[in-house]
PDB file of N, CA and C in Angstrom:
ATOM      1  N   MET A   1      -7.619   7.925  -6.251  1.00  0.00           N
ATOM      2  CA  MET A   1      -7.774   7.268  -4.974  1.00  0.00           C
ATOM      3  C   MET A   1      -6.950   8.012  -3.938  1.00  0.00           C
ATOM      4  N   GLN A   2      -7.267   7.731  -2.682  1.00  0.00           N
ATOM      5  CA  GLN A   2      -6.542   8.327  -1.573  1.00  0.00           C
ATOM      6  C   GLN A   2      -6.385   7.303  -0.459  1.00  0.00           C
ATOM      7  N   VAL A   3      -5.385   7.548   0.384  1.00  0.00           N
ATOM      8  CA  VAL A   3      -5.179   6.743   1.575  1.00  0.00           C
ATOM      9  C   VAL A   3      -6.087   7.280   2.666  1.00  0.00           C
ATOM     10  N   LYS A   4      -6.758   6.382   3.373  1.00  0.00           N
ATOM     11  CA  LYS A   4      -7.572   6.765   4.524  1.00  0.00           C
ATOM     12  C   LYS A   4      -6.630   7.135   5.665  1.00  0.00           C
ATOM     13  N   SER A   5      -6.938   8.184   6.376  1.00  0.00           N
ATOM     14  CA  SER A   5      -6.089   8.566   7.506  1.00  0.00           C
ATOM     15  C   SER A   5      -6.223   7.529   8.622  1.00  0.00           C
ATOM     16  N   GLY A   6      -5.216   7.460   9.465  1.00  0.00           N
ATOM     17  CA  GLY A   6      -5.296   6.565  10.611  1.00  0.00           C
ATOM     18  C   GLY A   6      -4.472   5.305  10.471  1.00  0.00           C
ATOM     19  N   PHE A   7      -3.535   5.275   9.549  1.00  0.00           N
ATOM     20  CA  PHE A   7      -2.647   4.123   9.395  1.00  0.00           C
ATOM     21  C   PHE A   7      -1.209   4.594   9.499  1.00  0.00           C
ATOM     22  N   LYS A   8      -0.381   3.789  10.152  1.00  0.00           N
ATOM     23  CA  LYS A   8       1.006   4.152  10.387  1.00  0.00           C
ATOM     24  C   LYS A   8       1.898   2.953  10.076  1.00  0.00           C
ATOM     25  N   LEU A   9       3.082   3.234   9.548  1.00  0.00           N
ATOM     26  CA  LEU A   9       4.059   2.176   9.311  1.00  0.00           C
ATOM     27  C   LEU A   9       4.803   1.881  10.602  1.00  0.00           C
ATOM     28  N   ASN A  10       4.954   0.603  10.920  1.00  0.00           N
ATOM     29  CA  ASN A  10       5.755   0.164  12.053  1.00  0.00           C
ATOM     30  C   ASN A  10       6.634  -0.981  11.605  1.00  0.00           C
ATOM     31  N   GLU A  11       7.856  -1.014  12.116  1.00  0.00           N
ATOM     32  CA  GLU A  11       8.759  -2.115  11.791  1.00  0.00           C
ATOM     33  C   GLU A  11       8.976  -2.957  13.044  1.00  0.00           C
ATOM     34  N   VAL A  12       8.799  -4.259  12.888  1.00  0.00           N
ATOM     35  CA  VAL A  12       8.997  -5.199  13.987  1.00  0.00           C
ATOM     36  C   VAL A  12       9.881  -6.326  13.481  1.00  0.00           C
ATOM     37  N   CYS A  13      11.025  -6.487  14.091  1.00  0.00           N
ATOM     38  CA  CYS A  13      11.967  -7.567  13.735  1.00  0.00           C
ATOM     39  C   CYS A  13      12.267  -7.579  12.237  1.00  0.00           C
ATOM     40  N   GLY A  14      12.460  -6.418  11.655  1.00  0.00           N
ATOM     41  CA  GLY A  14      12.817  -6.328  10.244  1.00  0.00           C
ATOM     42  C   GLY A  14      11.655  -6.422   9.273  1.00  0.00           C
ATOM     43  N   GLN A  15      10.445  -6.611   9.767  1.00  0.00           N
ATOM     44  CA  GLN A  15       9.252  -6.683   8.910  1.00  0.00           C
ATOM     45  C   GLN A  15       8.448  -5.401   9.086  1.00  0.00           C
ATOM     46  N   THR A  16       8.031  -4.803   7.972  1.00  0.00           N
ATOM     47  CA  THR A  16       7.232  -3.576   8.019  1.00  0.00           C
ATOM     48  C   THR A  16       5.754  -3.921   7.984  1.00  0.00           C
ATOM     49  N   PHE A  17       5.003  -3.290   8.882  1.00  0.00           N
ATOM     50  CA  PHE A  17       3.559  -3.489   8.965  1.00  0.00           C
ATOM     51  C   PHE A  17       2.852  -2.153   8.839  1.00  0.00           C
ATOM     52  N   LEU A  18       1.669  -2.202   8.248  1.00  0.00           N
ATOM     53  CA  LEU A  18       0.764  -1.067   8.213  1.00  0.00           C
ATOM     54  C   LEU A  18      -0.204  -1.298   9.363  1.00  0.00           C
ATOM     55  N   VAL A  19      -0.214  -0.368  10.327  1.00  0.00           N
ATOM     56  CA  VAL A  19      -0.965  -0.552  11.566  1.00  0.00           C
ATOM     57  C   VAL A  19      -2.081   0.481  11.653  1.00  0.00           C
ATOM     58  N   PRO A  20      -3.307   0.020  11.936  1.00  0.00           N
ATOM     59  CA  PRO A  20      -4.410   0.969  12.125  1.00  0.00           C
ATOM     60  C   PRO A  20      -4.230   1.709  13.442  1.00  0.00           C
ATOM     61  N   MET A  21      -4.482   3.012  13.413  1.00  0.00           N
ATOM     62  CA  MET A  21      -4.333   3.843  14.611  1.00  0.00           C
ATOM     63  C   MET A  21      -5.648   4.560  14.890  1.00  0.00           C
ATOM     64  N   GLY A  22      -5.872   4.918  16.133  1.00  0.00           N
ATOM     65  CA  GLY A  22      -7.054   5.680  16.509  1.00  0.00           C
ATOM     66  C   GLY A  22      -8.247   4.783  16.774  1.00  0.00           C
ATOM     67  N   GLU A  23      -9.255   5.361  17.384  1.00  0.00           N
ATOM     68  CA  GLU A  23     -10.445   4.608  17.789  1.00  0.00           C
ATOM     69  C   GLU A  23     -11.193   3.999  16.618  1.00  0.00           C
ATOM     70  N   SER A  24     -11.237   4.687  15.492  1.00  0.00           N
ATOM     71  CA  SER A  24     -11.995   4.165  14.346  1.00  0.00           C
ATOM     72  C   SER A  24     -11.276   3.006  13.664  1.00  0.00           C
ATOM     73  N   ASN A  25      -9.995   2.814  13.966  1.00  0.00           N
ATOM     74  CA  ASN A  25      -9.214   1.747  13.346  1.00  0.00           C
ATOM     75  C   ASN A  25      -8.643   0.791  14.384  1.00  0.00           C
ATOM     76  N   ILE A  26      -9.332   0.576  15.473  1.00  0.00           N
ATOM     77  CA  ILE A  26      -8.784  -0.163  16.604  1.00  0.00           C
ATOM     78  C   ILE A  26      -8.675  -1.675  16.349  1.00  0.00           C
ATOM     79  N   ASP A  27      -9.207  -2.183  15.267  1.00  0.00           N
ATOM     80  CA  ASP A  27      -9.172  -3.615  14.957  1.00  0.00           C
ATOM     81  C   ASP A  27      -7.762  -4.023  14.534  1.00  0.00           C
ATOM     82  N   PHE A  28      -6.986  -4.582  15.475  1.00  0.00           N
ATOM     83  CA  PHE A  28      -5.605  -4.951  15.184  1.00  0.00           C
ATOM     84  C   PHE A  28      -5.488  -6.223  14.350  1.00  0.00           C
ATOM     85  N   SER A  29      -6.606  -6.852  14.016  1.00  0.00           N
ATOM     86  CA  SER A  29      -6.549  -7.991  13.095  1.00  0.00           C
ATOM     87  C   SER A  29      -6.278  -7.508  11.676  1.00  0.00           C
ATOM     88  N   LYS A  30      -6.311  -6.193  11.485  1.00  0.00           N
ATOM     89  CA  LYS A  30      -6.079  -5.628  10.160  1.00  0.00           C
ATOM     90  C   LYS A  30      -4.637  -5.181   9.939  1.00  0.00           C
ATOM     91  N   LEU A  31      -3.701  -5.699  10.735  1.00  0.00           N
ATOM     92  CA  LEU A  31      -2.296  -5.428  10.467  1.00  0.00           C
ATOM     93  C   LEU A  31      -1.964  -5.979   9.096  1.00  0.00           C
ATOM     94  N   ILE A  32      -1.260  -5.205   8.294  1.00  0.00           N
ATOM     95  CA  ILE A  32      -0.912  -5.635   6.944  1.00  0.00           C
ATOM     96  C   ILE A  32       0.599  -5.647   6.821  1.00  0.00           C
ATOM     97  N   ALA A  33       1.162  -6.815   6.552  1.00  0.00           N
ATOM     98  CA  ALA A  33       2.602  -6.936   6.340  1.00  0.00           C
ATOM     99  C   ALA A  33       2.915  -6.443   4.930  1.00  0.00           C
ATOM    100  N   LEU A  34       3.957  -5.637   4.825  1.00  0.00           N
ATOM    101  CA  LEU A  34       4.356  -5.077   3.538  1.00  0.00           C
ATOM    102  C   LEU A  34       5.708  -5.633   3.126  1.00  0.00           C
ATOM    103  N   ASN A  35       5.789  -6.093   1.880  1.00  0.00           N
ATOM    104  CA  ASN A  35       7.092  -6.470   1.343  1.00  0.00           C
ATOM    105  C   ASN A  35       7.719  -5.225   0.711  1.00  0.00           C
ATOM    106  N   GLU A  36       8.873  -5.386   0.096  1.00  0.00           N
ATOM    107  CA  GLU A  36       9.605  -4.246  -0.455  1.00  0.00           C
ATOM    108  C   GLU A  36       8.776  -3.466  -1.479  1.00  0.00           C
ATOM    109  N   SER A  37       8.128  -4.165  -2.392  1.00  0.00           N
ATOM    110  CA  SER A  37       7.379  -3.459  -3.443  1.00  0.00           C
ATOM    111  C   SER A  37       6.084  -2.845  -2.909  1.00  0.00           C
ATOM    112  N   SER A  38       5.396  -3.525  -1.999  1.00  0.00           N
ATOM    113  CA  SER A  38       4.169  -2.929  -1.450  1.00  0.00           C
ATOM    114  C   SER A  38       4.505  -1.735  -0.553  1.00  0.00           C
ATOM    115  N   LEU A  39       5.668  -1.753   0.105  1.00  0.00           N
ATOM    116  CA  LEU A  39       6.112  -0.599   0.884  1.00  0.00           C
ATOM    117  C   LEU A  39       6.386   0.584  -0.046  1.00  0.00           C
ATOM    118  N   LEU A  40       7.030   0.328  -1.173  1.00  0.00           N
ATOM    119  CA  LEU A  40       7.271   1.379  -2.161  1.00  0.00           C
ATOM    120  C   LEU A  40       5.945   1.983  -2.637  1.00  0.00           C
ATOM    121  N   LEU A  41       4.975   1.122  -2.928  1.00  0.00           N
ATOM    122  CA  LEU A  41       3.664   1.604  -3.365  1.00  0.00           C
ATOM    123  C   LEU A  41       2.967   2.394  -2.258  1.00  0.00           C
ATOM    124  N   TRP A  42       3.064   1.917  -1.019  1.00  0.00           N
ATOM    125  CA  TRP A  42       2.457   2.633   0.103  1.00  0.00           C
ATOM    126  C   TRP A  42       3.023   4.044   0.222  1.00  0.00           C
ATOM    127  N   LYS A  43       4.335   4.141   0.084  1.00  0.00           N
ATOM    128  CA  LYS A  43       4.964   5.455   0.184  1.00  0.00           C
ATOM    129  C   LYS A  43       4.442   6.389  -0.904  1.00  0.00           C
ATOM    130  N   ARG A  44       4.263   5.872  -2.120  1.00  0.00           N
ATOM    131  CA  ARG A  44       3.705   6.688  -3.207  1.00  0.00           C
ATOM    132  C   ARG A  44       2.265   7.067  -2.898  1.00  0.00           C
ATOM    133  N   MET A  45       1.474   6.103  -2.403  1.00  0.00           N
ATOM    134  CA  MET A  45       0.082   6.373  -2.067  1.00  0.00           C
ATOM    135  C   MET A  45      -0.031   7.449  -0.987  1.00  0.00           C
ATOM    136  N   SER A  46       0.898   7.455  -0.068  1.00  0.00           N
ATOM    137  CA  SER A  46       0.869   8.391   1.058  1.00  0.00           C
ATOM    138  C   SER A  46       1.190   9.821   0.650  1.00  0.00           C
ATOM    139  N   GLU A  47       1.708  10.013  -0.552  1.00  0.00           N
ATOM    140  CA  GLU A  47       2.049  11.354  -1.024  1.00  0.00           C
ATOM    141  C   GLU A  47       0.820  12.177  -1.384  1.00  0.00           C
ATOM    142  N   GLY A  48      -0.309  11.531  -1.612  1.00  0.00           N
ATOM    143  CA  GLY A  48      -1.532  12.234  -1.992  1.00  0.00           C
ATOM    144  C   GLY A  48      -2.319  11.401  -2.977  1.00  0.00           C
ATOM    145  N   GLU A  49      -3.260  12.023  -3.650  1.00  0.00           N
ATOM    146  CA  GLU A  49      -4.102  11.289  -4.587  1.00  0.00           C
ATOM    147  C   GLU A  49      -3.257  10.555  -5.612  1.00  0.00           C
ATOM    148  N   PHE A  50      -3.748   9.396  -6.033  1.00  0.00           N
ATOM    149  CA  PHE A  50      -3.011   8.568  -6.984  1.00  0.00           C
ATOM    150  C   PHE A  50      -3.987   7.767  -7.827  1.00  0.00           C
ATOM    151  N   THR A  51      -3.486   7.298  -8.959  1.00  0.00           N
ATOM    152  CA  THR A  51      -4.238   6.411  -9.837  1.00  0.00           C
ATOM    153  C   THR A  51      -3.473   5.104  -9.964  1.00  0.00           C
ATOM    154  N   THR A  52      -4.128   4.125 -10.523  1.00  0.00           N
ATOM    155  CA  THR A  52      -3.457   2.858 -10.802  1.00  0.00           C
ATOM    156  C   THR A  52      -2.252   3.094 -11.698  1.00  0.00           C
ATOM    157  N   ASP A  53      -2.409   3.950 -12.697  1.00  0.00           N
ATOM    158  CA  ASP A  53      -1.302   4.243 -13.608  1.00  0.00           C
ATOM    159  C   ASP A  53      -0.114   4.873 -12.873  1.00  0.00           C
ATOM    160  N   ASP A  54      -0.376   5.721 -11.877  1.00  0.00           N
ATOM    161  CA  ASP A  54       0.709   6.302 -11.082  1.00  0.00           C
ATOM    162  C   ASP A  54       1.508   5.205 -10.385  1.00  0.00           C
ATOM    163  N   LEU A  55       0.790   4.242  -9.829  1.00  0.00           N
ATOM    164  CA  LEU A  55       1.453   3.166  -9.091  1.00  0.00           C
ATOM    165  C   LEU A  55       2.209   2.233 -10.027  1.00  0.00           C
ATOM    166  N   VAL A  56       1.650   1.972 -11.199  1.00  0.00           N
ATOM    167  CA  VAL A  56       2.348   1.151 -12.197  1.00  0.00           C
ATOM    168  C   VAL A  56       3.654   1.831 -12.582  1.00  0.00           C
ATOM    169  N   LYS A  57       3.600   3.138 -12.812  1.00  0.00           N
ATOM    170  CA  LYS A  57       4.818   3.882 -13.159  1.00  0.00           C
ATOM    171  C   LYS A  57       5.846   3.792 -12.038  1.00  0.00           C
ATOM    172  N   THR A  58       5.395   3.854 -10.802  1.00  0.00           N
ATOM    173  CA  THR A  58       6.304   3.740  -9.659  1.00  0.00           C
ATOM    174  C   THR A  58       7.069   2.422  -9.705  1.00  0.00           C
ATOM    175  N   LEU A  59       6.354   1.318  -9.971  1.00  0.00           N
ATOM    176  CA  LEU A  59       7.027   0.020 -10.055  1.00  0.00           C
ATOM    177  C   LEU A  59       7.957  -0.054 -11.257  1.00  0.00           C
ATOM    178  N   LEU A  60       7.509   0.469 -12.395  1.00  0.00           N
ATOM    179  CA  LEU A  60       8.344   0.428 -13.600  1.00  0.00           C
ATOM    180  C   LEU A  60       9.625   1.241 -13.426  1.00  0.00           C
ATOM    181  N   ASP A  61       9.533   2.342 -12.689  1.00  0.00           N
ATOM    182  CA  ASP A  61      10.708   3.183 -12.450  1.00  0.00           C
ATOM    183  C   ASP A  61      11.712   2.512 -11.512  1.00  0.00           C
ATOM    184  N   GLU A  62      11.230   1.663 -10.625  1.00  0.00           N
ATOM    185  CA  GLU A  62      12.088   1.081  -9.593  1.00  0.00           C
ATOM    186  C   GLU A  62      12.612  -0.314  -9.941  1.00  0.00           C
ATOM    187  N   TYR A  63      11.814  -1.093 -10.655  1.00  0.00           N
ATOM    188  CA  TYR A  63      12.160  -2.495 -10.908  1.00  0.00           C
ATOM    189  C   TYR A  63      12.226  -2.790 -12.404  1.00  0.00           C
ATOM    190  N   GLU A  64      12.976  -3.790 -12.745  1.00  0.00           N
ATOM    191  CA  GLU A  64      13.013  -4.271 -14.128  1.00  0.00           C
ATOM    192  C   GLU A  64      11.884  -5.285 -14.288  1.00  0.00           C
ATOM    193  N   VAL A  65      10.729  -4.770 -14.615  1.00  0.00           N
ATOM    194  CA  VAL A  65       9.524  -5.591 -14.741  1.00  0.00           C
ATOM    195  C   VAL A  65       8.716  -5.045 -15.915  1.00  0.00           C
ATOM    196  N   ASP A  66       7.991  -5.922 -16.595  1.00  0.00           N
ATOM    197  CA  ASP A  66       7.174  -5.452 -17.709  1.00  0.00           C
ATOM    198  C   ASP A  66       5.886  -4.814 -17.183  1.00  0.00           C
ATOM    199  N   GLU A  67       5.271  -4.012 -18.020  1.00  0.00           N
ATOM    200  CA  GLU A  67       4.093  -3.256 -17.599  1.00  0.00           C
ATOM    201  C   GLU A  67       2.935  -4.159 -17.182  1.00  0.00           C
ATOM    202  N   ALA A  68       2.728  -5.264 -17.887  1.00  0.00           N
ATOM    203  CA  ALA A  68       1.620  -6.167 -17.545  1.00  0.00           C
ATOM    204  C   ALA A  68       1.794  -6.735 -16.135  1.00  0.00           C
ATOM    205  N   THR A  69       3.011  -7.120 -15.787  1.00  0.00           N
ATOM    206  CA  THR A  69       3.279  -7.658 -14.449  1.00  0.00           C
ATOM    207  C   THR A  69       3.110  -6.581 -13.395  1.00  0.00           C
ATOM    208  N   ALA A  70       3.631  -5.385 -13.672  1.00  0.00           N
ATOM    209  CA  ALA A  70       3.493  -4.277 -12.730  1.00  0.00           C
ATOM    210  C   ALA A  70       2.022  -3.942 -12.503  1.00  0.00           C
ATOM    211  N   ARG A  71       1.247  -3.900 -13.573  1.00  0.00           N
ATOM    212  CA  ARG A  71      -0.183  -3.573 -13.456  1.00  0.00           C
ATOM    213  C   ARG A  71      -0.915  -4.631 -12.631  1.00  0.00           C
ATOM    214  N   LYS A  72      -0.610  -5.898 -12.875  1.00  0.00           N
ATOM    215  CA  LYS A  72      -1.253  -6.984 -12.118  1.00  0.00           C
ATOM    216  C   LYS A  72      -0.925  -6.852 -10.632  1.00  0.00           C
ATOM    217  N   ASP A  73       0.352  -6.596 -10.313  1.00  0.00           N
ATOM    218  CA  ASP A  73       0.765  -6.451  -8.923  1.00  0.00           C
ATOM    219  C   ASP A  73       0.075  -5.261  -8.256  1.00  0.00           C
ATOM    220  N   VAL A  74      -0.020  -4.144  -8.976  1.00  0.00           N
ATOM    221  CA  VAL A  74      -0.693  -2.958  -8.448  1.00  0.00           C
ATOM    222  C   VAL A  74      -2.166  -3.255  -8.192  1.00  0.00           C
ATOM    223  N   GLU A  75      -2.828  -3.911  -9.123  1.00  0.00           N
ATOM    224  CA  GLU A  75      -4.249  -4.225  -8.947  1.00  0.00           C
ATOM    225  C   GLU A  75      -4.472  -5.096  -7.723  1.00  0.00           C
ATOM    226  N   VAL A  76      -3.578  -6.045  -7.477  1.00  0.00           N
ATOM    227  CA  VAL A  76      -3.706  -6.923  -6.308  1.00  0.00           C
ATOM    228  C   VAL A  76      -3.581  -6.119  -5.020  1.00  0.00           C
ATOM    229  N   ILE A  77      -2.551  -5.282  -4.915  1.00  0.00           N
ATOM    230  CA  ILE A  77      -2.347  -4.531  -3.670  1.00  0.00           C
ATOM    231  C   ILE A  77      -3.440  -3.492  -3.463  1.00  0.00           C
ATOM    232  N   VAL A  78      -3.885  -2.839  -4.521  1.00  0.00           N
ATOM    233  CA  VAL A  78      -4.955  -1.849  -4.384  1.00  0.00           C
ATOM    234  C   VAL A  78      -6.241  -2.527  -3.920  1.00  0.00           C
ATOM    235  N   GLU A  79      -6.563  -3.677  -4.480  1.00  0.00           N
ATOM    236  CA  GLU A  79      -7.770  -4.403  -4.048  1.00  0.00           C
ATOM    237  C   GLU A  79      -7.659  -4.832  -2.590  1.00  0.00           C
ATOM    238  N   GLN A  80      -6.475  -5.287  -2.180  1.00  0.00           N
ATOM    239  CA  GLN A  80      -6.285  -5.668  -0.781  1.00  0.00           C
ATOM    240  C   GLN A  80      -6.471  -4.446   0.116  1.00  0.00           C
ATOM    241  N   PHE A  81      -5.862  -3.327  -0.252  1.00  0.00           N
ATOM    242  CA  PHE A  81      -5.992  -2.125   0.555  1.00  0.00           C
ATOM    243  C   PHE A  81      -7.435  -1.628   0.583  1.00  0.00           C
ATOM    244  N   LYS A  82      -8.146  -1.725  -0.519  1.00  0.00           N
ATOM    245  CA  LYS A  82      -9.563  -1.326  -0.534  1.00  0.00           C
ATOM    246  C   LYS A  82     -10.381  -2.222   0.382  1.00  0.00           C
ATOM    247  N   SER A  83     -10.158  -3.529   0.307  1.00  0.00           N
ATOM    248  CA  SER A  83     -10.944  -4.461   1.128  1.00  0.00           C
ATOM    249  C   SER A  83     -10.653  -4.292   2.613  1.00  0.00           C
ATOM    250  N   GLU A  84      -9.475  -3.813   2.952  1.00  0.00           N
ATOM    251  CA  GLU A  84      -9.109  -3.569   4.352  1.00  0.00           C
ATOM    252  C   GLU A  84      -9.481  -2.151   4.799  1.00  0.00           C
ATOM    253  N   GLY A  85     -10.010  -1.346   3.888  1.00  0.00           N
ATOM    254  CA  GLY A  85     -10.413   0.007   4.221  1.00  0.00           C
ATOM    255  C   GLY A  85      -9.263   0.992   4.351  1.00  0.00           C
ATOM    256  N   VAL A  86      -8.143   0.681   3.703  1.00  0.00           N
ATOM    257  CA  VAL A  86      -6.959   1.526   3.774  1.00  0.00           C
ATOM    258  C   VAL A  86      -7.004   2.635   2.741  1.00  0.00           C
ATOM    259  N   VAL A  87      -7.540   2.349   1.564  1.00  0.00           N
ATOM    260  CA  VAL A  87      -7.680   3.358   0.511  1.00  0.00           C
ATOM    261  C   VAL A  87      -9.122   3.428   0.058  1.00  0.00           C
ATOM    262  N   TYR A  88      -9.471   4.552  -0.526  1.00  0.00           N
ATOM    263  CA  TYR A  88     -10.809   4.732  -1.081  1.00  0.00           C
ATOM    264  C   TYR A  88     -10.721   5.555  -2.336  1.00  0.00           C
TER     265      TYR A  88
END
């Protein structure tokens, strides 16, 4: 998978948002608030192509969490990002 170009991280009042940029992403209803773990995953996704397993490893390396929980969390965020057109 890859991140679609045209999204930028912005911080407002201590909260990080993924903001669509450019004419093709002008729909500001698609602002996505990121928590600590989804921000970590976003940063990994932004490095280049990635797989679900890459993202699971990212969570396992950073947090004391079992693989099943990490995989479930990754699947949720990836599906959200796909439905919002952030990744493909």
